[in-house]
Amino acid sequence: MTTTSPKPRGIVREATHQIIAGGSAGLVEICLMHPLDVVKTRFQIQRGTSDPTSYKSLGDCFRTIFRNEGIFGFYKGILPPILAETPKRAVKFFTFEQYKKLLNLTPLSPGLALSAAGLGAGLTEAVVVNPFEVVKVSLQANRDAFKQQPSSFAQARRIIKTDGLGLKGLNKGLTSTLGRHGVFNMIYFGFYFNVKDAIPANPDPTLEFLRKFAIGLTSGTISSCVNIPWDVAKSRIQGPQPVPGQIKYRTCFQTMALVYREEGYLALYKGLVPKIMRLGPGGAVMLLVYEYVSGWLQRNW
């Protein structure tokens, strides 16, 4: 009995480290980068130049939001991701480690196993985060002044009352969210850890930090470029429909095909610049905060 008792404590300690480190990483990233997420969503839900409320450029979007909605307009919908970040990042990093352990027992090469573990972690994360995303996108699409918009909890209650908890309500756009998170994390984790292992560590702490930041920045940028069609589909499905009362964007691939047919293939990359501006450095920040907080916890607790 004495030989087996430390094992559960080790598992609990490991999970606790990942929850604290992952929650810290998510909180820091969301607070720094959320304004760019608002701008990205606004671009993704506008429907071409025929939309009378369309923004002419990235600068025009920033100026219009600041002028009409104030500085807090850039933080619309921030509460759902903040509330979701701790369980979301805990799920993301903890499941990544568990999938990685399982896949190391298979014939897959170590590099491929890292990407597959990232895919599994992303799909698991998507299930947890999707209801929060539905509330966030509906709040971000609201162009009223910040003080006039409903609270996150009021918006969630309204969605549940009107459309329920299922795939037409609080879990709307789940397939697109699965695609977005699965593809992103498959590349994000696979690229970061494979490249980090391939490039020798630097003994200088500052240069080592910059090495990890550069790899994380590249990882987040490439992942964002590849997964954005799923992100656009998700925003269209979860955002307001063009004609109130009529559902135009129903499923992930139907939405992609419809956007491509009506607006061209470039419309599937709407919001790419603010997305890269957010998830390039944001991806680096998240991995670095996670690694450093996790390292500190392992040394001190």
Protein backbone atom coordinates (compact mmCIF):
# COMPACT_ATOMS: atom_id res chain seq x y z
CA MET A 1 0.00 0.00 0.00
CA THR A 2 2.84 2.40 0.78
CA THR A 3 4.38 1.79 -2.66
CA THR A 4 1.22 2.77 -4.56
CA SER A 5 0.08 5.81 -2.56
CA PRO A 6 2.50 8.37 -4.09
CA LYS A 7 1.23 7.61 -7.61
CA PRO A 8 -2.25 9.20 -7.27
CA ARG A 9 -0.68 12.24 -5.58
CA GLY A 10 1.72 12.55 -8.52
CA ILE A 11 -1.14 12.46 -11.01
CA VAL A 12 -3.14 15.00 -9.00
CA ARG A 13 -0.09 17.26 -8.65
CA GLU A 14 0.61 17.02 -12.39
CA ALA A 15 -3.00 17.85 -13.25
CA THR A 16 -3.00 20.76 -10.77
CA HIS A 17 0.19 22.17 -12.28
CA GLN A 18 -1.37 22.00 -15.75
CA ILE A 19 -4.61 23.61 -14.58
CA ILE A 20 -2.80 26.53 -12.91
CA ALA A 21 -0.22 26.98 -15.68
CA GLY A 22 -2.80 26.59 -18.45
CA GLY A 23 -5.26 28.95 -16.77
CA SER A 24 -2.52 31.55 -16.30
CA ALA A 25 -1.48 31.24 -19.96
CA GLY A 26 -5.04 31.63 -21.17
CA LEU A 27 -5.83 34.59 -18.93
CA VAL A 28 -2.70 36.53 -19.93
CA GLU A 29 -3.27 35.82 -23.64
CA ILE A 30 -6.96 36.77 -23.66
CA CYS A 31 -6.44 40.05 -21.77
CA LEU A 32 -3.64 41.13 -24.11
CA MET A 33 -5.17 40.03 -27.40
CA HIS A 34 -8.99 40.25 -27.08
CA PRO A 35 -9.37 43.60 -28.96
CA LEU A 36 -7.96 41.93 -32.07
CA ASP A 37 -10.47 39.09 -31.66
CA VAL A 38 -13.32 41.64 -31.74
CA VAL A 39 -11.91 43.20 -34.92
CA LYS A 40 -11.44 39.75 -36.51
CA THR A 41 -15.06 38.77 -35.76
CA ARG A 42 -16.42 42.05 -37.20
CA PHE A 43 -14.59 41.42 -40.49
CA GLN A 44 -15.74 37.81 -40.67
CA ILE A 45 -19.44 38.52 -40.21
CA GLN A 46 -19.68 41.40 -42.71
CA ARG A 47 -20.96 40.30 -46.11
CA GLY A 48 -18.94 42.07 -48.80
CA THR A 49 -18.96 45.70 -49.92
CA SER A 50 -22.77 45.61 -50.33
CA ASP A 51 -23.06 45.51 -46.53
CA PRO A 52 -23.76 49.15 -45.57
CA THR A 53 -21.98 48.68 -42.24
CA SER A 54 -18.84 47.12 -43.74
CA TYR A 55 -15.44 48.39 -42.66
CA LYS A 56 -13.14 49.72 -45.37
CA SER A 57 -9.88 48.64 -43.74
CA LEU A 58 -8.31 47.44 -40.51
CA GLY A 59 -7.65 51.05 -39.47
CA ASP A 60 -11.23 52.07 -40.33
CA CYS A 61 -12.53 49.22 -38.14
CA PHE A 62 -10.42 50.32 -35.15
CA ARG A 63 -11.45 53.98 -35.60
CA THR A 64 -15.16 53.20 -36.05
CA ILE A 65 -15.36 50.93 -33.01
CA PHE A 66 -13.48 53.48 -30.86
CA ARG A 67 -15.64 56.40 -32.11
CA ASN A 68 -19.04 54.68 -31.85
CA GLU A 69 -18.53 52.26 -28.96
CA GLY A 70 -15.63 53.65 -26.96
CA ILE A 71 -12.52 51.88 -25.68
CA PHE A 72 -14.62 49.20 -23.99
CA GLY A 73 -16.04 48.27 -27.39
CA PHE A 74 -12.79 46.40 -27.98
CA TYR A 75 -13.51 44.25 -24.93
CA LYS A 76 -17.02 43.17 -25.89
CA GLY A 77 -17.59 39.51 -25.20
CA ILE A 78 -14.45 39.18 -23.05
CA LEU A 79 -16.16 37.59 -20.03
CA PRO A 80 -17.10 34.28 -21.75
CA PRO A 81 -13.51 33.57 -22.89
CA ILE A 82 -12.12 34.61 -19.47
CA LEU A 83 -14.56 32.26 -17.74
CA ALA A 84 -13.71 29.55 -20.27
CA GLU A 85 -9.94 29.98 -20.26
CA THR A 86 -9.06 28.07 -17.10
CA PRO A 87 -11.06 24.89 -17.95
CA LYS A 88 -10.29 25.32 -21.66
CA ARG A 89 -6.51 25.57 -21.25
CA ALA A 90 -6.55 22.93 -18.52
CA VAL A 91 -8.31 20.58 -20.96
CA LYS A 92 -6.04 21.65 -23.83
CA PHE A 93 -2.70 21.08 -22.11
CA PHE A 94 -3.69 18.18 -19.86
CA THR A 95 -5.31 16.19 -22.69
CA PHE A 96 -2.37 16.99 -24.99
CA GLU A 97 -0.01 15.40 -22.46
CA GLN A 98 -2.28 12.36 -22.04
CA TYR A 99 -2.79 11.86 -25.78
CA LYS A 100 0.98 12.22 -26.25
CA LYS A 101 1.64 9.47 -23.67
CA LEU A 102 -0.88 7.15 -25.36
CA LEU A 103 0.42 7.82 -28.87
CA ASN A 104 4.00 7.17 -27.77
CA LEU A 105 2.88 3.55 -27.33
CA THR A 106 1.90 3.34 -31.02
CA PRO A 107 4.14 2.87 -34.08
CA LEU A 108 3.73 6.56 -34.98
CA SER A 109 6.92 8.60 -35.27
CA PRO A 110 7.48 11.06 -32.37
CA GLY A 111 6.87 14.08 -34.65
CA LEU A 112 3.60 12.70 -36.01
CA ALA A 113 2.50 11.65 -32.52
CA LEU A 114 2.87 15.27 -31.34
CA SER A 115 0.62 16.51 -34.17
CA ALA A 116 -1.94 13.76 -33.54
CA ALA A 117 -1.95 14.60 -29.80
CA GLY A 118 -2.52 18.25 -30.72
CA LEU A 119 -5.46 17.27 -32.94
CA GLY A 120 -7.02 15.24 -30.10
CA ALA A 121 -6.48 18.06 -27.60
CA GLY A 122 -8.03 20.57 -30.00
CA LEU A 123 -11.14 18.45 -30.58
CA THR A 124 -11.59 17.95 -26.83
CA GLU A 125 -11.08 21.67 -26.19
CA ALA A 126 -13.66 22.58 -28.84
CA VAL A 127 -16.44 20.67 -27.07
CA VAL A 128 -15.71 22.55 -23.83
CA VAL A 129 -15.42 26.02 -25.34
CA ASN A 130 -18.17 26.10 -27.99
CA PRO A 131 -21.04 27.39 -25.76
CA PHE A 132 -18.80 30.25 -24.60
CA GLU A 133 -17.93 31.00 -28.25
CA VAL A 134 -21.63 31.26 -29.19
CA VAL A 135 -22.20 33.87 -26.47
CA LYS A 136 -18.93 35.72 -27.29
CA VAL A 137 -19.62 36.01 -31.03
CA SER A 138 -23.20 37.20 -30.48
CA LEU A 139 -21.91 39.93 -28.13
CA GLN A 140 -19.06 40.93 -30.46
CA ALA A 141 -21.47 41.30 -33.37
CA ASN A 142 -23.51 43.84 -31.36
CA ARG A 143 -22.55 47.35 -32.55
CA ASP A 144 -24.39 49.24 -29.80
CA ALA A 145 -22.40 51.22 -27.25
CA PHE A 146 -20.77 49.03 -24.60
CA LYS A 147 -23.13 50.23 -21.83
CA GLN A 148 -26.21 49.38 -23.93
CA GLN A 149 -25.35 45.75 -24.67
CA PRO A 150 -26.64 42.86 -22.53
CA SER A 151 -24.37 41.10 -20.08
CA SER A 152 -22.80 37.75 -20.96
CA PHE A 153 -25.15 35.92 -18.61
CA ALA A 154 -28.23 37.72 -19.98
CA GLN A 155 -27.15 36.88 -23.52
CA ALA A 156 -26.63 33.21 -22.61
CA ARG A 157 -30.08 33.06 -21.00
CA ARG A 158 -31.63 34.66 -24.09
CA ILE A 159 -29.97 32.12 -26.41
CA ILE A 160 -31.06 29.18 -24.23
CA LYS A 161 -34.63 30.52 -23.95
CA THR A 162 -34.94 31.18 -27.69
CA ASP A 163 -33.02 28.26 -29.21
CA GLY A 164 -32.20 25.82 -26.41
CA LEU A 165 -28.95 24.06 -25.52
CA GLY A 166 -28.55 22.01 -28.69
CA LEU A 167 -26.96 22.53 -32.10
CA LYS A 168 -29.39 25.35 -32.92
CA GLY A 169 -28.79 27.16 -29.63
CA LEU A 170 -25.88 27.24 -27.19
CA ASN A 171 -23.96 24.60 -29.17
CA LYS A 172 -24.53 26.15 -32.58
CA GLY A 173 -21.58 25.81 -34.96
CA LEU A 174 -20.00 22.91 -33.06
CA THR A 175 -18.66 21.22 -36.22
CA SER A 176 -16.92 24.43 -37.29
CA THR A 177 -15.45 24.86 -33.80
CA LEU A 178 -14.19 21.26 -33.89
CA GLY A 179 -12.53 21.95 -37.25
CA ARG A 180 -11.07 25.26 -36.10
CA HIS A 181 -9.54 23.93 -32.88
CA GLY A 182 -8.56 20.53 -34.23
CA VAL A 183 -6.64 21.90 -37.23
CA PHE A 184 -5.10 24.76 -35.23
CA ASN A 185 -3.77 22.61 -32.40
CA MET A 186 -2.57 19.84 -34.69
CA ILE A 187 -0.22 22.33 -36.38
CA TYR A 188 0.39 24.49 -33.28
CA PHE A 189 1.67 21.73 -30.99
CA GLY A 190 3.24 19.65 -33.76
CA PHE A 191 5.25 22.54 -35.20
CA TYR A 192 6.25 24.10 -31.86
CA PHE A 193 7.58 20.99 -30.13
CA ASN A 194 9.17 19.45 -33.23
CA VAL A 195 11.01 22.66 -34.16
CA LYS A 196 11.92 23.45 -30.54
CA ASP A 197 13.52 20.01 -30.21
CA ALA A 198 15.34 20.43 -33.54
CA ILE A 199 16.90 23.82 -32.68
CA PRO A 200 19.44 23.59 -29.83
CA ALA A 201 18.61 25.44 -26.60
CA ASN A 202 20.61 28.57 -25.81
CA PRO A 203 22.38 28.85 -22.43
CA ASP A 204 21.65 32.60 -22.31
CA PRO A 205 18.18 33.03 -20.68
CA THR A 206 17.25 36.05 -22.84
CA LEU A 207 18.23 34.34 -26.10
CA GLU A 208 16.46 31.15 -24.99
CA PHE A 209 13.30 33.16 -24.31
CA LEU A 210 13.56 34.75 -27.78
CA ARG A 211 14.15 31.34 -29.38
CA LYS A 212 10.97 29.94 -27.84
CA PHE A 213 9.01 33.12 -28.61
CA ALA A 214 10.05 33.03 -32.29
CA ILE A 215 9.07 29.36 -32.63
CA GLY A 216 5.73 30.01 -30.87
CA LEU A 217 5.07 33.07 -33.04
CA THR A 218 5.71 31.08 -36.24
CA SER A 219 3.61 28.19 -34.96
CA GLY A 220 0.63 30.44 -34.13
CA THR A 221 0.91 32.26 -37.47
CA ILE A 222 0.99 29.12 -39.64
CA SER A 223 -1.85 27.53 -37.66
CA SER A 224 -3.98 30.68 -38.08
CA CYS A 225 -3.44 30.77 -41.85
CA VAL A 226 -4.48 27.13 -42.27
CA ASN A 227 -7.54 27.03 -40.00
CA ILE A 228 -9.20 30.36 -40.82
CA PRO A 229 -11.85 28.97 -43.25
CA TRP A 230 -13.31 27.02 -40.31
CA ASP A 231 -13.14 30.20 -38.22
CA VAL A 232 -15.05 32.21 -40.84
CA ALA A 233 -17.70 29.46 -41.08
CA LYS A 234 -18.00 29.43 -37.28
CA SER A 235 -18.48 33.21 -37.10
CA ARG A 236 -21.14 33.15 -39.85
CA ILE A 237 -23.08 30.33 -38.19
CA GLN A 238 -22.85 31.73 -34.65
CA GLY A 239 -23.25 35.42 -35.62
CA PRO A 240 -26.43 37.19 -36.74
CA GLN A 241 -27.97 35.85 -39.97
CA PRO A 242 -28.34 38.29 -42.94
CA VAL A 243 -32.16 38.17 -42.78
CA PRO A 244 -33.60 37.98 -39.24
CA GLY A 245 -35.65 34.82 -38.76
CA GLN A 246 -34.11 33.02 -41.75
CA ILE A 247 -31.19 30.63 -41.24
CA LYS A 248 -28.76 31.03 -44.15
CA TYR A 249 -25.59 29.55 -42.64
CA ARG A 250 -26.43 26.10 -41.28
CA THR A 251 -23.46 23.73 -41.32
CA CYS A 252 -19.69 24.07 -41.58
CA PHE A 253 -19.04 22.95 -45.17
CA GLN A 254 -22.35 24.33 -46.47
CA THR A 255 -21.30 27.73 -45.09
CA MET A 256 -17.81 27.49 -46.63
CA ALA A 257 -19.30 26.58 -50.03
CA LEU A 258 -21.87 29.38 -49.82
CA VAL A 259 -19.29 32.02 -48.85
CA TYR A 260 -17.00 30.83 -51.67
CA ARG A 261 -19.83 30.89 -54.24
CA GLU A 262 -21.26 34.29 -53.27
CA GLU A 263 -18.14 36.21 -52.19
CA GLY A 264 -15.13 34.37 -53.65
CA TYR A 265 -12.38 32.33 -52.01
CA LEU A 266 -10.75 35.37 -50.38
CA ALA A 267 -13.87 35.77 -48.22
CA LEU A 268 -12.85 32.51 -46.49
CA TYR A 269 -9.79 34.41 -45.25
CA LYS A 270 -11.62 37.43 -43.85
CA GLY A 271 -10.14 38.63 -40.59
CA LEU A 272 -6.81 36.91 -41.32
CA VAL A 273 -4.67 39.97 -40.49
CA PRO A 274 -6.17 40.63 -37.01
CA LYS A 275 -6.24 36.86 -36.41
CA ILE A 276 -2.50 36.58 -37.13
CA MET A 277 -1.85 39.76 -35.12
CA ARG A 278 -3.60 38.07 -32.21
CA LEU A 279 -2.71 34.38 -32.47
CA GLY A 280 0.85 34.83 -33.74
CA PRO A 281 2.20 36.63 -30.67
CA GLY A 282 -0.71 35.29 -28.59
CA GLY A 283 0.26 31.71 -29.40
CA ALA A 284 3.84 32.45 -28.36
CA VAL A 285 2.72 34.17 -25.13
CA MET A 286 0.46 31.26 -24.22
CA LEU A 287 3.11 28.56 -24.68
CA LEU A 288 5.79 30.59 -22.89
CA VAL A 289 3.56 31.47 -19.92
CA TYR A 290 2.53 27.82 -19.70
CA GLU A 291 6.12 26.55 -19.82
CA TYR A 292 7.52 29.07 -17.34
CA VAL A 293 4.63 28.80 -14.84
CA SER A 294 4.68 25.00 -15.12
CA GLY A 295 8.47 24.98 -14.56
CA TRP A 296 8.15 27.26 -11.54
CA LEU A 297 5.42 25.07 -10.04
CA GLN A 298 7.48 21.91 -10.54
CA ARG A 299 10.51 23.48 -8.82
CA ASN A 300 8.59 25.03 -5.93
CA TRP A 301 5.57 22.78 -5.35
